């Protein structure tokens, strides 16, 4: 017997995103507007920290059948939480230094009007993301630009890399690997296919970045309706 496919309307998705924002204790949903067009969510309004802007975006991404999120939330730092650029730069350097996943010696941090910019090279994508998370949670930060690049210490062995990536996806309980196409070109991986949610799409990419020697991942996996 064939299984019926349930198509969710934009109104269904909007209702679920609003409910998810209400369920998320780190944000105030009454300050956030939500519109949905063809599965793409747009967040408007304001929050009082960059960390809350990120939390609101993650909440929207968690909703089933959300294809993408346009995060237009403004960050309005309260007077009590305002920090000078030197204060933020100092706090960012300390946060990176104390993060076990971040190679601080490879990074450069600049701050302008509360906006943190990261530069440098790391060996793994997880280090790049860890650095962004570390500074994004700091008080007074208005935004983060991650200009870090991944330069692996080893070269990718592309002979059976696609097969090993497929095996890694198959044993991952958070993804449905069937139907995901994996192509390897040197140190670059190209992904294609269809999934049910943005978190699943992101988990697939995370798994791929765990392969030694990868410098680029082109994630063309789409979220279905």
N, C-alpha and C. Protein backbone atom coordinates (compact mmCIF):
# COMPACT_ATOMS: atom_id res chain seq x y z
N UNK A 1 0.84 -1.20 0.00
CA UNK A 1 0.00 0.00 0.00
C UNK A 1 0.88 1.25 0.00
N UNK A 2 0.60 2.18 -0.89
CA UNK A 2 1.39 3.40 -0.98
C UNK A 2 1.09 4.32 0.19
N UNK A 3 2.11 5.02 0.65
CA UNK A 3 1.95 5.96 1.75
C UNK A 3 1.62 7.34 1.20
N UNK A 4 0.55 7.94 1.69
CA UNK A 4 0.14 9.25 1.21
C UNK A 4 1.14 10.31 1.64
N UNK A 5 1.43 11.22 0.72
CA UNK A 5 2.34 12.32 1.02
C UNK A 5 1.54 13.51 1.52
N UNK A 6 1.89 14.01 2.69
CA UNK A 6 1.18 15.13 3.29
C UNK A 6 1.95 16.41 2.96
N UNK A 7 1.29 17.30 2.23
CA UNK A 7 1.89 18.58 1.89
C UNK A 7 1.47 19.61 2.92
N UNK A 8 2.43 20.30 3.50
CA UNK A 8 2.14 21.30 4.52
C UNK A 8 2.08 22.67 3.87
N UNK A 9 1.05 23.42 4.20
CA UNK A 9 0.88 24.75 3.64
C UNK A 9 1.77 25.75 4.37
N UNK A 10 1.93 26.91 3.77
CA UNK A 10 2.70 27.97 4.43
C UNK A 10 2.05 28.37 5.75
N UNK A 11 0.72 28.34 5.80
CA UNK A 11 0.03 28.67 7.05
C UNK A 11 0.35 27.65 8.13
N UNK A 12 0.39 26.37 7.75
CA UNK A 12 0.77 25.32 8.71
C UNK A 12 2.17 25.58 9.27
N UNK A 13 3.09 25.89 8.37
CA UNK A 13 4.47 26.12 8.79
C UNK A 13 4.57 27.36 9.67
N UNK A 14 3.87 28.43 9.29
CA UNK A 14 3.90 29.66 10.10
C UNK A 14 3.40 29.39 11.52
N UNK A 15 2.30 28.65 11.63
CA UNK A 15 1.76 28.32 12.95
C UNK A 15 2.76 27.54 13.78
N UNK A 16 3.41 26.57 13.15
CA UNK A 16 4.39 25.75 13.87
C UNK A 16 5.62 26.56 14.28
N UNK A 17 6.07 27.47 13.42
CA UNK A 17 7.22 28.30 13.77
C UNK A 17 6.89 29.20 14.95
N UNK A 18 5.70 29.80 14.94
CA UNK A 18 5.28 30.64 16.07
C UNK A 18 5.21 29.82 17.35
N UNK A 19 4.68 28.61 17.24
CA UNK A 19 4.61 27.74 18.42
C UNK A 19 6.00 27.36 18.91
N UNK A 20 6.92 27.10 17.97
CA UNK A 20 8.29 26.73 18.35
C UNK A 20 9.02 27.90 19.01
N UNK A 21 8.77 29.11 18.52
CA UNK A 21 9.37 30.29 19.15
C UNK A 21 8.82 30.48 20.56
N UNK A 22 7.54 30.21 20.74
CA UNK A 22 6.94 30.29 22.07
C UNK A 22 7.55 29.24 23.00
N UNK A 23 7.90 28.09 22.44
CA UNK A 23 8.48 26.98 23.22
C UNK A 23 9.94 27.21 23.54
N UNK A 24 10.59 28.12 22.81
CA UNK A 24 12.02 28.40 22.98
C UNK A 24 12.21 29.44 24.09
N UNK A 25 12.75 29.03 25.26
CA UNK A 25 12.84 29.95 26.40
C UNK A 25 13.85 31.08 26.23
N UNK A 26 14.71 31.00 25.23
CA UNK A 26 15.75 32.02 25.08
C UNK A 26 15.29 33.25 24.32
N UNK A 27 14.09 33.21 23.75
CA UNK A 27 13.60 34.36 22.98
C UNK A 27 12.22 34.78 23.48
N UNK A 28 11.83 36.00 23.10
CA UNK A 28 10.50 36.52 23.41
C UNK A 28 9.70 36.55 22.12
N UNK A 29 8.78 35.62 21.93
CA UNK A 29 8.08 35.50 20.65
C UNK A 29 7.23 36.71 20.30
N UNK A 30 6.79 37.48 21.30
CA UNK A 30 5.96 38.65 21.01
C UNK A 30 6.75 39.75 20.30
N UNK A 31 8.07 39.65 20.26
CA UNK A 31 8.91 40.64 19.59
C UNK A 31 9.33 40.20 18.19
N UNK A 32 8.83 39.02 17.77
CA UNK A 32 9.28 38.44 16.50
C UNK A 32 8.09 38.21 15.58
N UNK A 33 8.20 38.71 14.35
CA UNK A 33 7.19 38.46 13.33
C UNK A 33 7.63 37.32 12.42
N UNK A 34 6.65 36.54 11.96
CA UNK A 34 6.95 35.37 11.12
C UNK A 34 6.07 35.38 9.88
N UNK A 35 6.69 35.34 8.71
CA UNK A 35 5.96 35.14 7.47
C UNK A 35 6.59 33.96 6.73
N UNK A 36 5.77 33.28 5.93
CA UNK A 36 6.25 32.11 5.20
C UNK A 36 5.78 32.18 3.75
N UNK A 37 6.70 32.00 2.83
CA UNK A 37 6.38 31.97 1.40
C UNK A 37 7.07 30.78 0.76
N UNK A 38 6.27 29.84 0.28
CA UNK A 38 6.82 28.65 -0.38
C UNK A 38 7.81 27.92 0.52
N UNK A 39 7.50 27.85 1.81
CA UNK A 39 8.34 27.12 2.75
C UNK A 39 9.52 27.89 3.28
N UNK A 40 9.73 29.12 2.80
CA UNK A 40 10.84 29.95 3.27
C UNK A 40 10.33 30.90 4.35
N UNK A 41 10.91 30.81 5.53
CA UNK A 41 10.48 31.61 6.68
C UNK A 41 11.29 32.90 6.75
N UNK A 42 10.59 34.01 6.98
CA UNK A 42 11.25 35.29 7.22
C UNK A 42 10.94 35.75 8.64
N UNK A 43 11.98 36.02 9.40
CA UNK A 43 11.84 36.52 10.77
C UNK A 43 12.10 38.02 10.79
N UNK A 44 11.18 38.78 11.37
CA UNK A 44 11.33 40.22 11.49
C UNK A 44 11.10 40.63 12.94
N UNK A 45 11.46 41.88 13.25
CA UNK A 45 11.33 42.36 14.62
C UNK A 45 12.71 42.63 15.20
N UNK A 46 12.84 42.43 16.50
CA UNK A 46 14.13 42.70 17.13
C UNK A 46 14.35 41.82 18.35
N UNK A 47 15.62 41.65 18.69
CA UNK A 47 16.04 40.94 19.90
C UNK A 47 17.15 41.75 20.54
N UNK A 48 17.47 41.45 21.79
CA UNK A 48 18.46 42.28 22.49
C UNK A 48 19.86 41.67 22.52
N UNK A 49 20.09 40.63 21.73
CA UNK A 49 21.45 40.07 21.62
C UNK A 49 21.57 39.26 20.35
N UNK A 50 22.79 39.14 19.86
CA UNK A 50 23.04 38.31 18.68
C UNK A 50 22.76 36.85 19.00
N UNK A 51 23.04 36.44 20.23
CA UNK A 51 22.79 35.05 20.63
C UNK A 51 21.31 34.70 20.51
N UNK A 52 20.43 35.65 20.86
CA UNK A 52 18.99 35.40 20.75
C UNK A 52 18.54 35.39 19.29
N UNK A 53 19.18 36.22 18.47
CA UNK A 53 18.88 36.19 17.03
C UNK A 53 19.20 34.81 16.47
N UNK A 54 20.34 34.27 16.87
CA UNK A 54 20.73 32.93 16.43
C UNK A 54 19.75 31.88 16.96
N UNK A 55 19.34 32.02 18.23
CA UNK A 55 18.42 31.04 18.83
C UNK A 55 17.07 31.04 18.12
N UNK A 56 16.59 32.23 17.73
CA UNK A 56 15.33 32.32 17.00
C UNK A 56 15.44 31.63 15.64
N UNK A 57 16.55 31.84 14.98
CA UNK A 57 16.76 31.20 13.67
C UNK A 57 16.80 29.69 13.80
N UNK A 58 17.49 29.19 14.82
CA UNK A 58 17.56 27.74 15.03
C UNK A 58 16.18 27.17 15.34
N UNK A 59 15.37 27.91 16.10
CA UNK A 59 14.02 27.45 16.41
C UNK A 59 13.20 27.29 15.14
N UNK A 60 13.30 28.27 14.24
CA UNK A 60 12.57 28.19 12.98
C UNK A 60 13.06 27.02 12.13
N UNK A 61 14.35 26.80 12.11
CA UNK A 61 14.92 25.70 11.33
C UNK A 61 14.44 24.34 11.83
N UNK A 62 14.11 24.25 13.10
CA UNK A 62 13.70 22.95 13.66
C UNK A 62 12.33 22.49 13.16
N UNK A 63 11.54 23.40 12.64
CA UNK A 63 10.18 23.06 12.21
C UNK A 63 10.22 22.25 10.91
N UNK A 64 9.45 21.19 10.89
CA UNK A 64 9.42 20.31 9.73
C UNK A 64 8.96 21.05 8.48
N UNK A 65 9.62 20.77 7.37
CA UNK A 65 9.32 21.29 6.04
C UNK A 65 9.69 22.76 5.84
N UNK A 66 10.36 23.37 6.80
CA UNK A 66 10.94 24.70 6.56
C UNK A 66 12.12 24.51 5.60
N UNK A 67 12.08 25.22 4.48
CA UNK A 67 13.11 25.05 3.46
C UNK A 67 14.32 25.95 3.70
N UNK A 68 14.07 27.13 4.24
CA UNK A 68 15.15 28.07 4.52
C UNK A 68 14.60 29.15 5.44
N UNK A 69 15.52 29.89 6.07
CA UNK A 69 15.13 30.98 6.98
C UNK A 69 15.88 32.24 6.60
N UNK A 70 15.13 33.32 6.37
CA UNK A 70 15.72 34.64 6.17
C UNK A 70 15.61 35.38 7.51
N UNK A 71 16.73 35.56 8.16
CA UNK A 71 16.73 36.14 9.50
C UNK A 71 16.96 37.65 9.41
N UNK A 72 15.86 38.41 9.41
CA UNK A 72 15.93 39.87 9.33
C UNK A 72 15.74 40.53 10.69
N UNK A 73 15.94 39.77 11.76
CA UNK A 73 15.82 40.33 13.10
C UNK A 73 16.92 41.35 13.35
N UNK A 74 16.54 42.48 13.91
CA UNK A 74 17.51 43.50 14.30
C UNK A 74 18.00 43.22 15.71
N UNK A 75 19.26 43.52 15.96
CA UNK A 75 19.83 43.36 17.31
C UNK A 75 19.93 44.73 17.95
N UNK A 76 19.19 44.91 19.03
CA UNK A 76 19.21 46.17 19.77
C UNK A 76 19.79 45.91 21.16
N UNK A 77 21.02 46.28 21.33
CA UNK A 77 21.69 46.05 22.61
C UNK A 77 21.19 47.07 23.63
N UNK A 78 20.77 46.58 24.79
CA UNK A 78 20.31 47.49 25.85
C UNK A 78 21.49 48.28 26.41
N UNK A 79 21.18 49.41 27.02
CA UNK A 79 22.23 50.25 27.59
C UNK A 79 23.06 49.48 28.61
N UNK A 80 22.39 48.66 29.41
CA UNK A 80 23.10 47.89 30.44
C UNK A 80 24.05 46.86 29.85
N UNK A 81 23.74 46.39 28.63
CA UNK A 81 24.55 45.32 28.02
C UNK A 81 25.57 45.85 27.02
N UNK A 82 25.59 47.15 26.79
CA UNK A 82 26.52 47.70 25.81
C UNK A 82 27.98 47.52 26.25
N UNK A 83 28.81 47.15 25.30
CA UNK A 83 30.24 47.00 25.55
C UNK A 83 31.01 47.74 24.46
N UNK A 84 32.17 48.26 24.82
CA UNK A 84 33.02 48.92 23.83
C UNK A 84 33.67 47.87 22.94
N UNK A 85 34.14 48.28 21.77
CA UNK A 85 34.82 47.34 20.88
C UNK A 85 36.05 46.71 21.53
N UNK A 86 36.87 47.48 22.26
CA UNK A 86 38.01 46.84 22.94
C UNK A 86 37.57 45.80 23.98
N UNK A 87 36.47 46.07 24.68
CA UNK A 87 35.96 45.10 25.67
C UNK A 87 35.52 43.82 24.97
N UNK A 88 34.81 43.97 23.85
CA UNK A 88 34.34 42.79 23.11
C UNK A 88 35.52 42.02 22.54
N UNK A 89 36.51 42.74 22.01
CA UNK A 89 37.69 42.07 21.45
C UNK A 89 38.43 41.27 22.51
N UNK A 90 38.55 41.85 23.70
CA UNK A 90 39.22 41.15 24.79
C UNK A 90 38.44 39.91 25.21
N UNK A 91 37.11 40.07 25.34
CA UNK A 91 36.26 38.94 25.73
C UNK A 91 36.29 37.85 24.67
N UNK A 92 36.29 38.25 23.38
CA UNK A 92 36.31 37.27 22.30
C UNK A 92 37.62 36.48 22.31
N UNK A 93 38.72 37.16 22.52
CA UNK A 93 40.02 36.47 22.57
C UNK A 93 40.07 35.47 23.71
N UNK A 94 39.51 35.86 24.85
CA UNK A 94 39.50 34.95 26.00
C UNK A 94 38.58 33.76 25.75
N UNK A 95 37.41 34.03 25.16
CA UNK A 95 36.48 32.94 24.88
C UNK A 95 37.09 31.93 23.92
N UNK A 96 37.78 32.42 22.90
CA UNK A 96 38.43 31.52 21.95
C UNK A 96 39.57 30.76 22.60
N UNK A 97 40.31 31.44 23.46
CA UNK A 97 41.44 30.80 24.14
C UNK A 97 40.98 29.67 25.05
N UNK A 98 39.81 29.82 25.66
CA UNK A 98 39.32 28.83 26.61
C UNK A 98 38.47 27.74 25.95
N UNK A 99 38.24 27.84 24.66
CA UNK A 99 37.48 26.81 23.95
C UNK A 99 38.43 25.73 23.46
N UNK A 100 38.22 24.51 23.94
CA UNK A 100 39.14 23.41 23.63
C UNK A 100 39.15 23.04 22.15
N UNK A 101 38.11 23.42 21.41
CA UNK A 101 38.03 23.06 20.00
C UNK A 101 38.59 24.13 19.07
N UNK A 102 39.06 25.23 19.62
CA UNK A 102 39.51 26.35 18.79
C UNK A 102 41.03 26.52 18.87
N UNK A 103 41.73 26.45 17.75
CA UNK A 103 43.18 26.71 17.74
C UNK A 103 43.44 28.22 17.71
N UNK A 104 43.51 28.84 18.87
CA UNK A 104 43.55 30.29 18.97
C UNK A 104 44.72 30.88 18.20
N UNK A 105 45.83 30.15 18.10
CA UNK A 105 47.01 30.70 17.44
C UNK A 105 46.79 30.93 15.95
N UNK A 106 45.74 30.33 15.39
CA UNK A 106 45.49 30.45 13.95
C UNK A 106 44.48 31.54 13.61
N UNK A 107 43.98 32.26 14.64
CA UNK A 107 42.87 33.18 14.42
C UNK A 107 43.26 34.63 14.62
N UNK A 108 42.55 35.50 13.89
CA UNK A 108 42.62 36.94 14.09
C UNK A 108 41.21 37.45 14.33
N UNK A 109 41.06 38.32 15.32
CA UNK A 109 39.75 38.85 15.69
C UNK A 109 39.76 40.37 15.56
N UNK A 110 38.77 40.91 14.85
CA UNK A 110 38.59 42.35 14.80
C UNK A 110 37.15 42.68 15.18
N UNK A 111 36.95 43.83 15.80
CA UNK A 111 35.62 44.25 16.23
C UNK A 111 35.40 45.69 15.79
N UNK A 112 34.26 45.95 15.16
CA UNK A 112 33.89 47.29 14.74
C UNK A 112 32.41 47.51 15.02
N UNK A 113 32.10 48.46 15.89
CA UNK A 113 30.71 48.77 16.25
C UNK A 113 29.96 47.53 16.73
N UNK A 114 30.64 46.72 17.52
CA UNK A 114 30.01 45.53 18.09
C UNK A 114 29.98 44.32 17.17
N UNK A 115 30.46 44.49 15.94
CA UNK A 115 30.45 43.39 14.97
C UNK A 115 31.81 42.70 14.98
N UNK A 116 31.80 41.39 15.23
CA UNK A 116 33.04 40.62 15.32
C UNK A 116 33.34 39.95 13.98
N UNK A 117 34.56 40.09 13.52
CA UNK A 117 35.00 39.43 12.29
C UNK A 117 36.16 38.50 12.61
N UNK A 118 36.04 37.27 12.15
CA UNK A 118 37.07 36.25 12.37
C UNK A 118 37.81 35.96 11.08
N UNK A 119 39.13 35.89 11.17
CA UNK A 119 39.97 35.53 10.03
C UNK A 119 40.99 34.48 10.49
N UNK A 120 41.51 33.75 9.52
CA UNK A 120 42.53 32.76 9.82
C UNK A 120 42.25 31.44 9.12
N UNK A 121 43.09 30.46 9.39
CA UNK A 121 42.96 29.14 8.80
C UNK A 121 42.91 28.08 9.89
N UNK A 122 42.04 27.10 9.69
CA UNK A 122 41.94 25.97 10.61
C UNK A 122 41.98 24.68 9.80
N UNK A 123 42.21 23.57 10.48
CA UNK A 123 42.33 22.29 9.78
C UNK A 123 40.98 21.62 9.55
N UNK A 124 39.99 21.98 10.38
CA UNK A 124 38.69 21.30 10.32
C UNK A 124 37.56 22.32 10.36
N UNK A 125 36.45 21.97 9.72
CA UNK A 125 35.27 22.83 9.74
C UNK A 125 34.70 22.97 11.14
N UNK A 126 34.76 21.92 11.96
CA UNK A 126 34.20 22.02 13.31
C UNK A 126 34.92 23.09 14.12
N UNK A 127 36.21 23.31 13.85
CA UNK A 127 36.95 24.36 14.55
C UNK A 127 36.45 25.74 14.11
N UNK A 128 36.17 25.87 12.85
CA UNK A 128 35.64 27.12 12.31
C UNK A 128 34.30 27.47 12.95
N UNK A 129 33.44 26.47 13.06
CA UNK A 129 32.12 26.70 13.64
C UNK A 129 32.20 26.93 15.15
N UNK A 130 33.11 26.24 15.81
CA UNK A 130 33.28 26.43 17.26
C UNK A 130 33.70 27.85 17.57
N UNK A 131 34.57 28.41 16.75
CA UNK A 131 35.02 29.79 16.97
C UNK A 131 33.86 30.76 16.83
N UNK A 132 33.02 30.55 15.83
CA UNK A 132 31.87 31.44 15.63
C UNK A 132 30.89 31.35 16.80
N UNK A 133 30.64 30.15 17.27
CA UNK A 133 29.73 29.99 18.42
C UNK A 133 30.29 30.65 19.67
N UNK A 134 31.59 30.53 19.87
CA UNK A 134 32.21 31.07 21.08
C UNK A 134 32.04 32.58 21.18
N UNK A 135 32.23 33.29 20.07
CA UNK A 135 32.12 34.75 20.12
C UNK A 135 30.68 35.22 19.96
N UNK A 136 29.84 34.41 19.33
CA UNK A 136 28.46 34.82 19.10
C UNK A 136 27.62 34.90 20.35
N UNK A 137 28.05 34.25 21.41
CA UNK A 137 27.28 34.25 22.66
C UNK A 137 27.70 35.37 23.61
N UNK A 138 28.67 36.18 23.23
CA UNK A 138 29.18 37.20 24.14
C UNK A 138 28.24 38.40 24.24
N UNK A 139 28.17 38.97 25.43
CA UNK A 139 27.35 40.16 25.66
C UNK A 139 27.89 41.33 24.85
N UNK A 140 26.99 42.07 24.23
CA UNK A 140 27.37 43.26 23.47
C UNK A 140 27.64 43.02 22.00
N UNK A 141 27.73 41.77 21.58
CA UNK A 141 27.99 41.45 20.17
C UNK A 141 26.73 41.69 19.35
N UNK A 142 26.87 42.41 18.24
CA UNK A 142 25.73 42.70 17.36
C UNK A 142 25.68 41.75 16.16
N UNK A 143 26.80 41.15 15.83
CA UNK A 143 26.84 40.25 14.69
C UNK A 143 28.22 39.62 14.57
N UNK A 144 28.29 38.56 13.75
CA UNK A 144 29.55 37.85 13.54
C UNK A 144 29.73 37.56 12.06
N UNK A 145 30.91 37.86 11.53
CA UNK A 145 31.29 37.47 10.17
C UNK A 145 32.44 36.48 10.28
N UNK A 146 32.21 35.29 9.74
CA UNK A 146 33.22 34.23 9.84
C UNK A 146 33.98 34.13 8.52
N UNK A 147 35.16 34.75 8.48
CA UNK A 147 35.98 34.70 7.28
C UNK A 147 37.08 33.66 7.34
N UNK A 148 36.97 32.73 8.28
CA UNK A 148 37.98 31.69 8.43
C UNK A 148 37.87 30.67 7.29
N UNK A 149 38.98 30.12 6.91
CA UNK A 149 39.00 29.11 5.86
C UNK A 149 39.53 27.79 6.41
N UNK A 150 39.10 26.71 5.76
CA UNK A 150 39.55 25.37 6.15
C UNK A 150 40.70 24.94 5.25
N UNK A 151 41.83 24.63 5.85
CA UNK A 151 42.99 24.12 5.12
C UNK A 151 43.48 22.86 5.85
N UNK A 152 43.03 21.69 5.41
CA UNK A 152 43.37 20.45 6.11
C UNK A 152 44.87 20.18 6.13
N UNK A 153 45.29 19.49 7.18
CA UNK A 153 46.71 19.13 7.30
C UNK A 153 47.06 17.92 6.44
N UNK A 154 46.02 17.17 6.02
CA UNK A 154 46.25 15.99 5.18
C UNK A 154 45.48 16.15 3.88
N UNK A 155 45.91 15.43 2.86
CA UNK A 155 45.22 15.46 1.58
C UNK A 155 44.11 14.42 1.57
N UNK A 156 43.00 14.77 0.93
CA UNK A 156 41.87 13.85 0.84
C UNK A 156 42.23 12.67 -0.06
N UNK A 157 41.89 11.46 0.38
CA UNK A 157 42.07 10.26 -0.43
C UNK A 157 40.74 9.99 -1.11
N UNK A 158 40.63 10.42 -2.35
CA UNK A 158 39.33 10.39 -3.04
C UNK A 158 38.99 9.03 -3.64
N UNK A 159 39.86 8.06 -3.49
CA UNK A 159 39.62 6.77 -4.15
C UNK A 159 38.33 6.12 -3.68
N UNK A 160 38.13 6.02 -2.38
CA UNK A 160 36.90 5.42 -1.86
C UNK A 160 36.20 6.35 -0.89
N UNK A 161 36.49 7.66 -1.00
CA UNK A 161 35.95 8.61 -0.03
C UNK A 161 34.43 8.71 -0.10
N UNK A 162 33.87 8.70 -1.31
CA UNK A 162 32.42 8.79 -1.45
C UNK A 162 31.74 7.63 -0.75
N UNK A 163 32.30 6.43 -0.91
CA UNK A 163 31.73 5.24 -0.27
C UNK A 163 31.80 5.35 1.25
N UNK A 164 32.92 5.85 1.76
CA UNK A 164 33.06 5.99 3.21
C UNK A 164 32.10 7.05 3.76
N UNK A 165 31.87 8.10 3.00
CA UNK A 165 30.90 9.12 3.43
C UNK A 165 29.50 8.54 3.46
N UNK A 166 29.14 7.78 2.43
CA UNK A 166 27.82 7.14 2.40
C UNK A 166 27.65 6.20 3.59
N UNK A 167 28.69 5.45 3.93
CA UNK A 167 28.63 4.56 5.09
C UNK A 167 28.42 5.36 6.38
N UNK A 168 29.11 6.49 6.50
CA UNK A 168 28.96 7.33 7.70
C UNK A 168 27.55 7.88 7.80
N UNK A 169 26.96 8.26 6.68
CA UNK A 169 25.58 8.76 6.68
C UNK A 169 24.61 7.64 7.04
N UNK A 170 24.87 6.43 6.55
CA UNK A 170 23.96 5.31 6.79
C UNK A 170 23.90 4.92 8.25
N UNK A 171 25.01 5.09 8.98
CA UNK A 171 25.00 4.70 10.39
C UNK A 171 24.59 5.85 11.31
N UNK A 172 24.26 6.99 10.73
CA UNK A 172 23.85 8.16 11.50
C UNK A 172 22.34 8.14 11.70
N UNK A 173 21.91 8.05 12.95
CA UNK A 173 20.49 7.95 13.24
C UNK A 173 19.71 9.22 13.01
N UNK A 174 20.40 10.35 12.81
CA UNK A 174 19.71 11.63 12.64
C UNK A 174 19.43 11.96 11.18
N UNK A 175 19.84 11.08 10.26
CA UNK A 175 19.63 11.35 8.84
C UNK A 175 19.06 10.13 8.15
N UNK A 176 18.39 10.37 7.02
CA UNK A 176 17.95 9.30 6.14
C UNK A 176 18.82 9.38 4.89
N UNK A 177 19.83 8.56 4.85
CA UNK A 177 20.86 8.68 3.81
C UNK A 177 20.38 8.24 2.43
N UNK A 178 19.31 7.45 2.38
CA UNK A 178 18.85 6.96 1.09
C UNK A 178 18.43 8.13 0.21
N UNK A 179 18.89 8.11 -1.02
CA UNK A 179 18.54 9.17 -1.95
C UNK A 179 19.50 10.34 -1.95
N UNK A 180 20.51 10.33 -1.08
CA UNK A 180 21.50 11.40 -1.05
C UNK A 180 22.66 11.03 -1.97
N UNK A 181 22.92 11.88 -2.95
CA UNK A 181 24.02 11.66 -3.88
C UNK A 181 25.29 12.32 -3.34
N UNK A 182 26.38 11.57 -3.34
CA UNK A 182 27.67 12.07 -2.86
C UNK A 182 28.69 11.93 -3.98
N UNK A 183 29.23 13.07 -4.42
CA UNK A 183 30.27 13.05 -5.44
C UNK A 183 31.52 13.75 -4.91
N UNK A 184 32.67 13.15 -5.15
CA UNK A 184 33.93 13.69 -4.65
C UNK A 184 34.81 14.12 -5.82
N UNK A 185 35.29 15.35 -5.75
CA UNK A 185 36.22 15.87 -6.75
C UNK A 185 37.45 16.40 -6.00
N UNK A 186 38.45 15.57 -5.86
CA UNK A 186 39.64 15.98 -5.12
C UNK A 186 39.32 16.21 -3.66
N UNK A 187 39.45 17.46 -3.19
CA UNK A 187 39.15 17.79 -1.80
C UNK A 187 37.79 18.48 -1.64
N UNK A 188 36.94 18.34 -2.67
CA UNK A 188 35.61 18.95 -2.67
C UNK A 188 34.53 17.88 -2.77
N UNK A 189 33.48 18.01 -1.94
CA UNK A 189 32.36 17.07 -1.96
C UNK A 189 31.10 17.81 -2.40
N UNK A 190 30.35 17.21 -3.32
CA UNK A 190 29.09 17.77 -3.80
C UNK A 190 27.95 16.86 -3.35
N UNK A 191 26.97 17.45 -2.68
CA UNK A 191 25.82 16.70 -2.16
C UNK A 191 24.55 17.12 -2.88
N UNK A 192 23.70 16.13 -3.18
CA UNK A 192 22.40 16.40 -3.78
C UNK A 192 21.40 15.41 -3.21
N UNK A 193 20.13 15.83 -3.21
CA UNK A 193 19.09 14.96 -2.69
C UNK A 193 17.98 15.75 -2.03
N UNK A 194 17.11 15.04 -1.32
CA UNK A 194 15.95 15.66 -0.70
C UNK A 194 15.80 15.16 0.73
N UNK A 195 15.55 16.08 1.67
CA UNK A 195 15.36 15.72 3.08
C UNK A 195 14.11 16.41 3.61
N UNK A 196 13.78 16.13 4.88
CA UNK A 196 12.55 16.65 5.47
C UNK A 196 12.73 17.94 6.26
N UNK A 197 13.97 18.27 6.62
CA UNK A 197 14.17 19.44 7.48
C UNK A 197 15.56 20.02 7.30
N UNK A 198 15.72 21.28 7.69
CA UNK A 198 17.03 21.92 7.64
C UNK A 198 18.02 21.24 8.58
N UNK A 199 17.63 20.89 9.84
CA UNK A 199 18.59 20.19 10.70
C UNK A 199 19.14 18.90 10.08
N UNK A 200 18.29 18.17 9.36
CA UNK A 200 18.77 16.95 8.70
C UNK A 200 19.78 17.30 7.60
N UNK A 201 19.49 18.35 6.86
CA UNK A 201 20.41 18.81 5.82
C UNK A 201 21.75 19.22 6.43
N UNK A 202 21.69 19.92 7.55
CA UNK A 202 22.91 20.37 8.22
C UNK A 202 23.69 19.20 8.81
N UNK A 203 22.98 18.19 9.32
CA UNK A 203 23.66 17.03 9.88
C UNK A 203 24.40 16.25 8.79
N UNK A 204 23.78 16.16 7.62
CA UNK A 204 24.45 15.50 6.50
C UNK A 204 25.75 16.22 6.16
N UNK A 205 25.69 17.54 6.13
CA UNK A 205 26.91 18.31 5.83
C UNK A 205 27.96 18.14 6.92
N UNK A 206 27.52 18.10 8.18
CA UNK A 206 28.47 17.91 9.29
C UNK A 206 29.20 16.58 9.15
N UNK A 207 28.45 15.54 8.79
CA UNK A 207 29.06 14.23 8.61
C UNK A 207 30.12 14.28 7.51
N UNK A 208 29.80 14.95 6.43
CA UNK A 208 30.75 15.03 5.31
C UNK A 208 32.01 15.78 5.72
N UNK A 209 31.85 16.86 6.48
CA UNK A 209 33.01 17.64 6.92
C UNK A 209 33.93 16.84 7.84
N UNK A 210 33.44 15.74 8.38
CA UNK A 210 34.28 14.91 9.25
C UNK A 210 35.28 14.07 8.47
N UNK A 211 35.12 14.02 7.15
CA UNK A 211 36.06 13.25 6.33
C UNK A 211 37.41 13.96 6.26
N UNK A 212 38.51 13.25 6.45
CA UNK A 212 39.83 13.88 6.42
C UNK A 212 40.15 14.50 5.07
N UNK A 213 40.74 15.69 5.10
CA UNK A 213 41.24 16.31 3.88
C UNK A 213 40.25 17.15 3.10
N UNK A 214 39.01 17.27 3.57
CA UNK A 214 38.00 18.03 2.83
C UNK A 214 38.18 19.53 3.05
N UNK A 215 38.17 20.29 1.95
CA UNK A 215 38.30 21.74 2.02
C UNK A 215 37.00 22.46 1.69
N UNK A 216 36.15 21.83 0.87
CA UNK A 216 34.90 22.47 0.47
C UNK A 216 33.79 21.44 0.42
N UNK A 217 32.58 21.87 0.81
CA UNK A 217 31.38 21.05 0.67
C UNK A 217 30.32 21.89 -0.02
N UNK A 218 29.86 21.43 -1.16
CA UNK A 218 28.78 22.10 -1.88
C UNK A 218 27.49 21.34 -1.58
N UNK A 219 26.70 21.90 -0.68
CA UNK A 219 25.50 21.21 -0.20
C UNK A 219 24.28 21.66 -1.00
N UNK A 220 23.89 20.85 -1.98
CA UNK A 220 22.72 21.14 -2.80
C UNK A 220 21.51 20.32 -2.37
N UNK A 221 21.58 19.73 -1.20
CA UNK A 221 20.44 18.98 -0.66
C UNK A 221 19.30 19.95 -0.37
N UNK A 222 18.11 19.62 -0.84
CA UNK A 222 16.95 20.50 -0.67
C UNK A 222 16.00 19.93 0.37
N UNK A 223 15.20 20.82 0.95
CA UNK A 223 14.17 20.41 1.91
C UNK A 223 12.84 20.35 1.18
N UNK A 224 12.19 19.18 1.21
CA UNK A 224 10.93 19.01 0.51
C UNK A 224 9.76 19.55 1.29
N UNK A 225 8.65 19.75 0.60
CA UNK A 225 7.43 20.23 1.23
C UNK A 225 6.55 19.08 1.66
